[in-house]
């Protein structure tokens, strides 16, 4: 079946070889006619000049976006294990209670629900961290590996083993790494405060990090670490990872997720650390929702400094930088819905990202695809996949003004929208 779509696409998502023959407006949007034949793009043509009103009537379109950091194993667990205080300590305590009771059936239900929402929202790939030491580890991995197989061809699912850093120094850690490698997963852990114990703590983290990098290189795994998810000790963990990577020069893809406290460094020190990350070829995933919810919280006060990875400094240094949704309706963050378009809208005011600029859109699309090393970079080109998200907005302003309706095209077929939420059982008085 052949179909024709008239739309406006951000210039950064259009094949660079075509850009010279197409004109973009001041917001970087290119009016196109796309011919879809089967599951592929058969042709991309510029639209003839039109009146401004007619151009703005064309839907804004994106290629399907990428979720570079999630926790499918604990998603949607917040109602049963709430964090009423909204603190890191309370989140960890609730997470530990949930983990002690976790079953494969619960994780399967959570993952199925999450992947269904993500797919219909227009997400094409998710990297999920998985609690991997303790009673809930095996049930979580069993359920998520089955989910990955079921969703193959619709949502690409990458899995990261989240374990205490010291675990990678033990025989049990090496056995876990071998199982993760056999499942084509990644290795991960947490590096961050408290650093009050001085050199001994940092030396222990460094020893564990080097062991992890050695395992990853020997087994052919990538590494994705939670680093400096904190409002204290600015950039200490990120610096440790960057220096370790530069000294060892391991052939291991490394991602630092969070890197929140790095933004609290003085500007020059922040830029220098960003340059070390770029020199070490370390990617960064910024996670604004959970970081803004948990970090710098103080009773009775609104924080003036909000720790978040210094996005622009990292981009300026040449670091591959993606933005992710992180926790969804769990003890760490009560909101979210595996909707990268909504995260893009939310990040515009909070992170001062302008989606009409290439570097404002790339963290959700092309740069996120690069961080996950996906086969498709998300750029629309002839012969590429007929995958698009058409939005009920003609301009960036309309997109930011209200949640847009959307139609998701995957392999040349329109997906049904996400199922409507069940109406509330509460009846409001009207008279």
Protein backbone atom coordinates (compact mmCIF):
# COMPACT_ATOMS: atom_id res chain seq x y z
CA UNK A 1 0.00 0.00 0.00
CA UNK A 2 1.31 3.45 -0.96
CA UNK A 3 0.34 6.57 1.00
CA UNK A 4 1.36 10.22 0.83
CA UNK A 5 1.90 12.39 3.89
CA UNK A 6 2.27 16.17 3.91
CA UNK A 7 3.93 17.41 7.07
CA UNK A 8 6.65 19.56 8.59
CA UNK A 9 9.76 17.86 9.95
CA UNK A 10 12.61 19.37 12.00
CA UNK A 11 15.62 19.92 9.78
CA UNK A 12 17.80 17.91 12.19
CA UNK A 13 15.71 14.79 11.50
CA UNK A 14 15.99 15.04 7.71
CA UNK A 15 18.68 13.29 5.68
CA UNK A 16 21.53 15.85 5.47
CA UNK A 17 22.02 15.00 1.79
CA UNK A 18 18.56 16.45 1.10
CA UNK A 19 18.76 19.62 3.16
CA UNK A 20 20.22 21.77 0.38
CA UNK A 21 17.15 21.13 -1.79
CA UNK A 22 14.65 21.92 0.94
CA UNK A 23 13.85 25.19 2.70
CA UNK A 24 13.26 25.44 6.44
CA UNK A 25 11.39 28.20 8.23
CA UNK A 26 12.76 30.25 11.13
CA UNK A 27 11.83 27.43 13.52
CA UNK A 28 13.84 24.87 11.56
CA UNK A 29 10.79 23.06 10.16
CA UNK A 30 10.87 21.74 6.61
CA UNK A 31 7.56 21.21 4.70
CA UNK A 32 7.67 17.80 2.99
CA UNK A 33 5.65 15.30 1.05
CA UNK A 34 6.62 11.77 2.03
CA UNK A 35 5.73 8.70 0.00
CA UNK A 36 5.35 5.56 2.09
CA UNK A 37 5.49 2.22 0.29
CA UNK A 38 5.01 -0.76 2.56
CA UNK A 39 7.24 -0.42 5.61
CA UNK A 40 9.71 2.03 4.02
CA UNK A 41 10.06 5.61 2.85
CA UNK A 42 9.95 5.56 -0.96
CA UNK A 43 10.37 9.29 -1.63
CA UNK A 44 10.86 12.61 0.16
CA UNK A 45 9.96 15.74 -1.80
CA UNK A 46 9.75 19.42 -0.93
CA UNK A 47 6.29 20.93 -0.93
CA UNK A 48 5.58 23.74 -3.33
CA UNK A 49 5.47 27.21 -1.73
CA UNK A 50 2.25 27.81 0.17
CA UNK A 51 0.61 30.63 2.07
CA UNK A 52 1.82 30.88 5.70
CA UNK A 53 -1.54 29.75 7.06
CA UNK A 54 -1.50 26.68 4.82
CA UNK A 55 2.02 25.79 5.94
CA UNK A 56 1.12 26.09 9.63
CA UNK A 57 -1.84 23.81 9.04
CA UNK A 58 0.57 20.98 8.25
CA UNK A 59 1.17 18.69 11.23
CA UNK A 60 4.50 18.83 13.02
CA UNK A 61 6.14 15.40 12.77
CA UNK A 62 9.01 13.66 14.55
CA UNK A 63 10.68 10.32 14.07
CA UNK A 64 9.92 7.98 17.01
CA UNK A 65 11.85 9.05 20.09
CA UNK A 66 14.13 7.12 22.45
CA UNK A 67 13.95 6.50 26.22
CA UNK A 68 17.60 6.11 27.30
CA UNK A 69 17.05 5.46 31.02
CA UNK A 70 14.12 3.69 32.69
CA UNK A 71 13.37 1.22 35.49
CA UNK A 72 10.75 -1.17 34.13
CA UNK A 73 11.14 -3.59 37.03
CA UNK A 74 9.72 -1.10 39.55
CA UNK A 75 7.48 1.04 37.31
CA UNK A 76 3.91 1.62 38.53
CA UNK A 77 4.77 0.37 42.04
CA UNK A 78 4.31 3.76 43.71
CA UNK A 79 0.72 3.24 44.82
CA UNK A 80 1.56 0.05 46.69
CA UNK A 81 4.89 1.43 47.99
CA UNK A 82 4.43 5.20 48.27
CA UNK A 83 7.08 7.76 49.17
CA UNK A 84 5.00 10.39 50.93
CA UNK A 85 8.04 12.40 52.05
CA UNK A 86 9.48 12.75 48.56
CA UNK A 87 13.02 12.17 49.87
CA UNK A 88 15.84 9.97 48.63
CA UNK A 89 15.92 8.04 51.91
CA UNK A 90 12.20 7.33 51.84
CA UNK A 91 12.39 6.32 48.18
CA UNK A 92 15.18 3.84 48.91
CA UNK A 93 13.31 2.38 51.89
CA UNK A 94 10.11 1.92 49.87
CA UNK A 95 12.09 0.45 46.97
CA UNK A 96 13.71 -2.10 49.31
CA UNK A 97 10.33 -3.15 50.69
CA UNK A 98 8.96 -3.61 47.18
CA UNK A 99 12.07 -5.50 46.06
CA UNK A 100 11.76 -7.99 48.92
CA UNK A 101 8.26 -8.91 47.74
CA UNK A 102 8.79 -8.67 43.97
CA UNK A 103 7.64 -11.52 41.73
CA UNK A 104 8.17 -12.31 38.07
CA UNK A 105 4.44 -11.90 37.48
CA UNK A 106 4.50 -8.36 38.88
CA UNK A 107 7.47 -7.37 36.75
CA UNK A 108 5.89 -8.93 33.65
CA UNK A 109 2.72 -6.90 34.21
CA UNK A 110 4.66 -3.68 34.80
CA UNK A 111 6.90 -4.18 31.78
CA UNK A 112 4.00 -5.11 29.51
CA UNK A 113 2.07 -2.04 30.59
CA UNK A 114 5.11 0.20 30.16
CA UNK A 115 6.07 -1.10 26.73
CA UNK A 116 2.48 -0.88 25.50
CA UNK A 117 2.29 2.77 26.60
CA UNK A 118 5.70 3.60 25.16
CA UNK A 119 4.97 1.95 21.79
CA UNK A 120 1.66 3.74 21.33
CA UNK A 121 3.16 7.01 22.54
CA UNK A 122 5.80 6.82 19.80
CA UNK A 123 8.87 5.48 21.65
CA UNK A 124 11.02 3.03 19.67
CA UNK A 125 13.70 2.00 22.16
CA UNK A 126 14.13 1.84 25.94
CA UNK A 127 17.18 1.16 28.09
CA UNK A 128 16.07 -0.15 31.48
CA UNK A 129 18.17 -0.66 34.57
CA UNK A 130 17.32 -3.79 36.57
CA UNK A 131 17.89 -4.36 40.31
CA UNK A 132 20.22 -7.36 40.07
CA UNK A 133 21.39 -8.42 43.54
CA UNK A 134 18.99 -9.92 46.06
CA UNK A 135 15.65 -11.73 46.10
CA UNK A 136 14.02 -9.83 43.26
CA UNK A 137 16.91 -10.15 40.80
CA UNK A 138 16.10 -13.42 39.06
CA UNK A 139 12.34 -12.76 38.79
CA UNK A 140 13.08 -9.33 37.31
CA UNK A 141 15.51 -10.63 34.71
CA UNK A 142 13.29 -13.58 33.77
CA UNK A 143 10.29 -11.32 33.18
CA UNK A 144 12.19 -8.60 31.33
CA UNK A 145 14.03 -11.00 29.03
CA UNK A 146 10.68 -12.49 28.08
CA UNK A 147 9.27 -9.00 27.54
CA UNK A 148 12.23 -8.12 25.32
CA UNK A 149 11.54 -11.13 23.16
CA UNK A 150 7.80 -10.42 22.94
CA UNK A 151 8.35 -6.80 21.97
CA UNK A 152 11.17 -7.43 19.51
CA UNK A 153 10.51 -5.48 16.31
CA UNK A 154 8.31 -2.94 18.07
CA UNK A 155 10.26 -1.49 21.00
CA UNK A 156 13.97 -2.33 21.30
CA UNK A 157 14.69 -3.11 24.95
CA UNK A 158 18.19 -2.90 26.45
CA UNK A 159 18.77 -4.17 30.00
CA UNK A 160 21.41 -2.99 32.48
CA UNK A 161 22.36 -4.96 35.60
CA UNK A 162 22.17 -2.50 38.51
CA UNK A 163 24.36 -3.79 41.36
CA UNK A 164 26.45 -2.35 44.21
CA UNK A 165 29.86 -1.45 42.80
CA UNK A 166 31.68 -3.75 45.25
CA UNK A 167 29.67 -6.69 43.92
CA UNK A 168 31.70 -6.61 40.69
CA UNK A 169 34.83 -7.46 42.72
CA UNK A 170 33.36 -10.76 43.93
CA UNK A 171 33.05 -14.19 42.28
CA UNK A 172 29.27 -13.71 42.43
CA UNK A 173 29.69 -10.45 40.55
CA UNK A 174 31.71 -12.11 37.81
CA UNK A 175 29.07 -14.84 37.51
CA UNK A 176 26.36 -12.17 37.22
CA UNK A 177 28.40 -10.34 34.57
CA UNK A 178 28.68 -13.54 32.53
CA UNK A 179 24.92 -14.10 32.69
CA UNK A 180 24.25 -10.49 31.68
CA UNK A 181 26.73 -10.72 28.81
CA UNK A 182 25.08 -13.93 27.60
CA UNK A 183 21.77 -12.03 27.61
CA UNK A 184 23.37 -9.17 25.62
CA UNK A 185 22.91 -6.76 28.51
CA UNK A 186 25.03 -4.03 30.07
CA UNK A 187 26.73 -3.73 33.46
CA UNK A 188 25.91 -0.94 35.90
CA UNK A 189 26.08 0.33 39.44
CA UNK A 190 25.95 3.45 41.60
CA UNK A 191 28.84 5.84 42.24
CA UNK A 192 28.15 8.83 44.43
CA UNK A 193 28.04 10.31 47.93
CA UNK A 194 28.54 9.99 50.77
CA UNK A 195 32.22 10.75 50.25
CA UNK A 196 32.75 11.80 53.87
CA UNK A 197 35.03 8.83 54.45
CA UNK A 198 37.66 10.53 52.36
CA UNK A 199 40.23 8.74 50.24
CA UNK A 200 39.29 5.24 51.41
CA UNK A 201 35.78 5.48 49.92
CA UNK A 202 37.03 6.95 46.67
CA UNK A 203 39.77 4.32 46.45
CA UNK A 204 37.18 1.59 46.97
CA UNK A 205 34.96 3.03 44.24
CA UNK A 206 37.90 3.32 41.89
CA UNK A 207 38.93 -0.32 42.53
CA UNK A 208 35.38 -1.51 41.88
CA UNK A 209 35.05 0.66 38.77
CA UNK A 210 38.25 -0.73 37.25
CA UNK A 211 37.08 -4.28 37.98
CA UNK A 212 33.76 -3.49 36.31
CA UNK A 213 35.48 -2.05 33.23
CA UNK A 214 37.73 -5.12 33.06
CA UNK A 215 34.72 -7.45 33.20
CA UNK A 216 32.88 -5.42 30.59
CA UNK A 217 35.83 -5.45 28.20
CA UNK A 218 36.46 -9.18 28.60
CA UNK A 219 32.79 -10.02 28.11
CA UNK A 220 31.98 -7.45 25.42
CA UNK A 221 29.43 -5.46 27.47
CA UNK A 222 28.65 -1.79 27.65
CA UNK A 223 28.54 0.04 31.01
CA UNK A 224 25.85 2.44 32.24
CA UNK A 225 26.37 3.87 35.73
CA UNK A 226 24.24 5.96 38.09
CA UNK A 227 26.76 8.68 38.97
CA UNK A 228 26.49 11.66 41.31
CA UNK A 229 22.72 11.61 41.75
CA UNK A 230 23.19 14.15 44.51
CA UNK A 231 23.27 17.80 45.53
CA UNK A 232 26.60 17.38 47.35
CA UNK A 233 30.26 16.73 46.46
CA UNK A 234 29.92 18.25 42.96
CA UNK A 235 31.16 16.03 40.15
CA UNK A 236 33.35 13.77 42.30
CA UNK A 237 31.98 10.51 40.89
CA UNK A 238 31.91 11.75 37.30
CA UNK A 239 35.54 12.84 37.63
CA UNK A 240 36.46 9.42 39.03
CA UNK A 241 34.85 7.65 36.06
CA UNK A 242 36.38 10.02 33.50
CA UNK A 243 39.89 9.71 34.92
CA UNK A 244 39.60 5.95 35.26
CA UNK A 245 38.46 5.62 31.65
CA UNK A 246 41.24 7.89 30.36
CA UNK A 247 43.91 6.01 32.32
CA UNK A 248 42.70 2.54 31.39
CA UNK A 249 41.65 3.26 27.78
CA UNK A 250 39.31 0.29 27.82
CA UNK A 251 37.38 -0.50 24.64
CA UNK A 252 34.11 -0.24 26.59
CA UNK A 253 31.15 2.06 25.82
CA UNK A 254 30.48 4.00 29.05
CA UNK A 255 27.45 6.07 30.00
CA UNK A 256 27.15 8.24 33.10
CA UNK A 257 23.48 8.59 33.97
CA UNK A 258 22.39 11.52 36.19
CA UNK A 259 25.72 13.42 36.62
CA UNK A 260 23.49 15.82 38.56
CA UNK A 261 25.88 17.42 41.03
CA UNK A 262 28.32 18.23 38.25
CA UNK A 263 26.23 21.33 37.51
CA UNK A 264 27.09 22.74 40.97
CA UNK A 265 30.77 23.12 40.02
CA UNK A 266 32.10 26.58 39.13
CA UNK A 267 31.71 27.17 35.37
CA UNK A 268 35.36 26.66 34.45
CA UNK A 269 35.70 23.47 36.49
CA UNK A 270 32.42 22.20 35.02
CA UNK A 271 33.61 22.85 31.46
CA UNK A 272 36.95 21.15 32.14
CA UNK A 273 35.21 18.06 33.49
CA UNK A 274 32.92 18.04 30.45
CA UNK A 275 36.00 18.09 28.24
CA UNK A 276 37.45 15.09 30.13
CA UNK A 277 34.22 13.19 29.56
CA UNK A 278 34.41 13.99 25.85
CA UNK A 279 38.06 12.93 25.69
CA UNK A 280 37.12 9.63 27.33
CA UNK A 281 34.17 9.20 24.92
CA UNK A 282 31.74 8.89 27.85
CA UNK A 283 28.08 9.59 27.16
CA UNK A 284 25.76 11.29 29.66
CA UNK A 285 22.04 10.84 30.26
CA UNK A 286 20.35 13.74 32.06
CA UNK A 287 17.27 12.80 34.09
CA UNK A 288 15.35 15.93 35.06
CA UNK A 289 12.10 14.48 36.40
CA UNK A 290 13.49 12.32 39.21
CA UNK A 291 16.36 14.74 39.95
CA UNK A 292 14.07 17.75 40.25
CA UNK A 293 11.65 15.74 42.41
CA UNK A 294 14.19 14.36 44.91
CA UNK A 295 17.32 16.49 45.01
CA UNK A 296 17.94 19.61 47.11
CA UNK A 297 14.71 18.96 49.00
CA UNK A 298 14.50 20.75 52.35
CA UNK A 299 11.46 20.90 54.61
CA UNK A 300 9.60 24.17 54.30
CA UNK A 301 11.83 25.61 51.60
CA UNK A 302 11.84 25.74 47.81
CA UNK A 303 15.36 25.03 46.50
CA UNK A 304 17.02 27.77 44.47
CA UNK A 305 19.69 25.49 42.97
CA UNK A 306 18.42 22.38 41.22
CA UNK A 307 21.11 19.78 40.49
CA UNK A 308 20.85 18.55 36.90
CA UNK A 309 23.52 17.41 34.45
CA UNK A 310 24.96 20.58 32.84
CA UNK A 311 23.43 19.88 29.45
CA UNK A 312 24.84 22.79 27.47
CA UNK A 313 28.36 22.51 28.86
CA UNK A 314 28.37 18.82 27.96
CA UNK A 315 27.03 19.43 24.46
CA UNK A 316 29.52 22.24 23.89
CA UNK A 317 32.36 19.88 24.83
CA UNK A 318 31.12 17.28 22.33
CA UNK A 319 29.69 14.78 24.82
CA UNK A 320 26.86 12.58 23.52
CA UNK A 321 23.98 13.80 25.67
CA UNK A 322 20.53 12.25 25.99
CA UNK A 323 17.52 13.03 28.20
CA UNK A 324 15.48 10.30 29.84
CA UNK A 325 12.35 9.89 31.91
CA UNK A 326 13.94 7.63 34.57
CA UNK A 327 11.36 6.54 37.15
CA UNK A 328 7.66 6.22 36.32
CA UNK A 329 5.02 6.11 39.06
CA UNK A 330 7.29 4.41 41.58
CA UNK A 331 8.78 5.41 44.96
CA UNK A 332 11.43 7.56 43.27
CA UNK A 333 9.03 9.67 41.19
CA UNK A 334 5.21 9.57 41.26
CA UNK A 335 4.57 10.77 37.69
CA UNK A 336 5.53 9.91 34.14
CA UNK A 337 3.95 7.66 31.51
CA UNK A 338 6.72 6.49 29.14
CA UNK A 339 5.95 9.41 26.85
CA UNK A 340 9.06 11.00 25.36
CA UNK A 341 7.03 13.75 23.66
CA UNK A 342 5.67 14.81 27.05
CA UNK A 343 9.21 14.72 28.48
CA UNK A 344 10.33 16.97 25.61
CA UNK A 345 7.53 19.43 26.43
CA UNK A 346 8.33 19.31 30.14
CA UNK A 347 12.07 19.79 29.56
CA UNK A 348 11.68 22.92 27.46
CA UNK A 349 10.97 25.27 30.39
CA UNK A 350 12.80 23.33 33.11
CA UNK A 351 16.02 22.65 31.19
CA UNK A 352 15.71 25.68 28.89
CA UNK A 353 15.94 23.39 25.88
CA UNK A 354 14.60 24.85 22.65
CA UNK A 355 13.31 22.04 20.41
CA UNK A 356 13.57 24.22 17.31
CA UNK A 357 17.35 24.06 17.76
CA UNK A 358 19.19 20.89 16.79
CA UNK A 359 20.77 20.53 20.24
CA UNK A 360 17.38 21.01 21.88
CA UNK A 361 15.81 18.08 20.01
CA UNK A 362 18.78 15.71 19.64
CA UNK A 363 18.77 14.54 23.32
CA UNK A 364 15.42 12.84 22.66
CA UNK A 365 16.15 11.61 19.13
CA UNK A 366 19.46 11.34 17.29
CA UNK A 367 21.81 11.80 20.28
CA UNK A 368 19.75 9.37 22.36
CA UNK A 369 19.97 6.84 19.51
CA UNK A 370 23.75 7.30 19.50
CA UNK A 371 24.00 6.77 23.27
CA UNK A 372 22.13 3.46 22.91
CA UNK A 373 24.07 2.61 19.71
CA UNK A 374 20.84 1.88 17.85
CA UNK A 375 20.97 0.64 14.27
CA UNK A 376 18.82 3.57 13.07
CA UNK A 377 19.93 7.08 13.95
CA UNK A 378 16.38 8.43 13.72
CA UNK A 379 17.02 10.47 10.57
CA UNK A 380 14.35 10.31 7.85
CA UNK A 381 15.80 9.14 4.54
CA UNK A 382 14.69 7.33 1.39
CA UNK A 383 14.80 3.59 2.00
CA UNK A 384 14.60 4.09 5.76
CA UNK A 385 11.82 2.86 8.01
CA UNK A 386 8.39 4.44 7.59
CA UNK A 387 8.24 5.37 11.26
CA UNK A 388 6.81 8.77 12.24
CA UNK A 389 4.94 10.52 15.03
CA UNK A 390 2.48 13.09 13.68
CA UNK A 391 1.46 15.63 16.29
CA UNK A 392 -1.68 17.72 16.57
CA UNK A 393 0.39 20.90 16.51
CA UNK A 394 1.51 23.03 13.60
CA UNK A 395 4.19 24.98 15.49
CA UNK A 396 6.55 24.47 18.39
CA UNK A 397 4.49 26.97 20.37
CA UNK A 398 1.37 24.87 19.91
CA UNK A 399 3.29 21.77 20.97
CA UNK A 400 4.47 23.45 24.15
CA UNK A 401 1.08 25.01 24.88
CA UNK A 402 -0.85 21.80 25.49
CA UNK A 403 -0.43 18.01 25.29
CA UNK A 404 -0.91 17.21 21.59
CA UNK A 405 -2.96 14.52 20.01
CA UNK A 406 -0.81 12.24 17.90
CA UNK A 407 -0.81 9.51 15.30
CA UNK A 408 2.04 7.02 15.32
CA UNK A 409 3.17 5.38 12.08
CA UNK A 410 5.28 2.24 12.51
CA UNK A 411 6.49 0.18 9.54
CA UNK A 412 3.98 2.07 7.37
CA UNK A 413 0.97 1.24 9.57
CA UNK A 414 -0.96 3.55 11.90
CA UNK A 415 -1.04 2.37 15.51
CA UNK A 416 -4.18 2.71 17.58
CA UNK A 417 -3.74 5.38 20.28
CA UNK A 418 -2.98 4.49 23.89
CA UNK A 419 -6.02 3.03 25.55
CA UNK A 420 -8.02 5.66 27.39
CA UNK A 421 -7.58 5.57 31.12
CA UNK A 422 -10.53 4.22 33.04
CA UNK A 423 -12.84 7.06 34.14
CA UNK A 424 -12.75 7.94 37.79
CA UNK A 425 -15.33 6.27 39.96
CA UNK A 426 -15.78 9.57 41.82
CA UNK A 427 -18.96 11.42 40.92
CA UNK A 428 -18.72 15.18 41.23
CA UNK A 429 -21.81 17.13 42.28
CA UNK A 430 -23.11 19.47 39.59
CA UNK A 431 -26.18 20.98 41.22
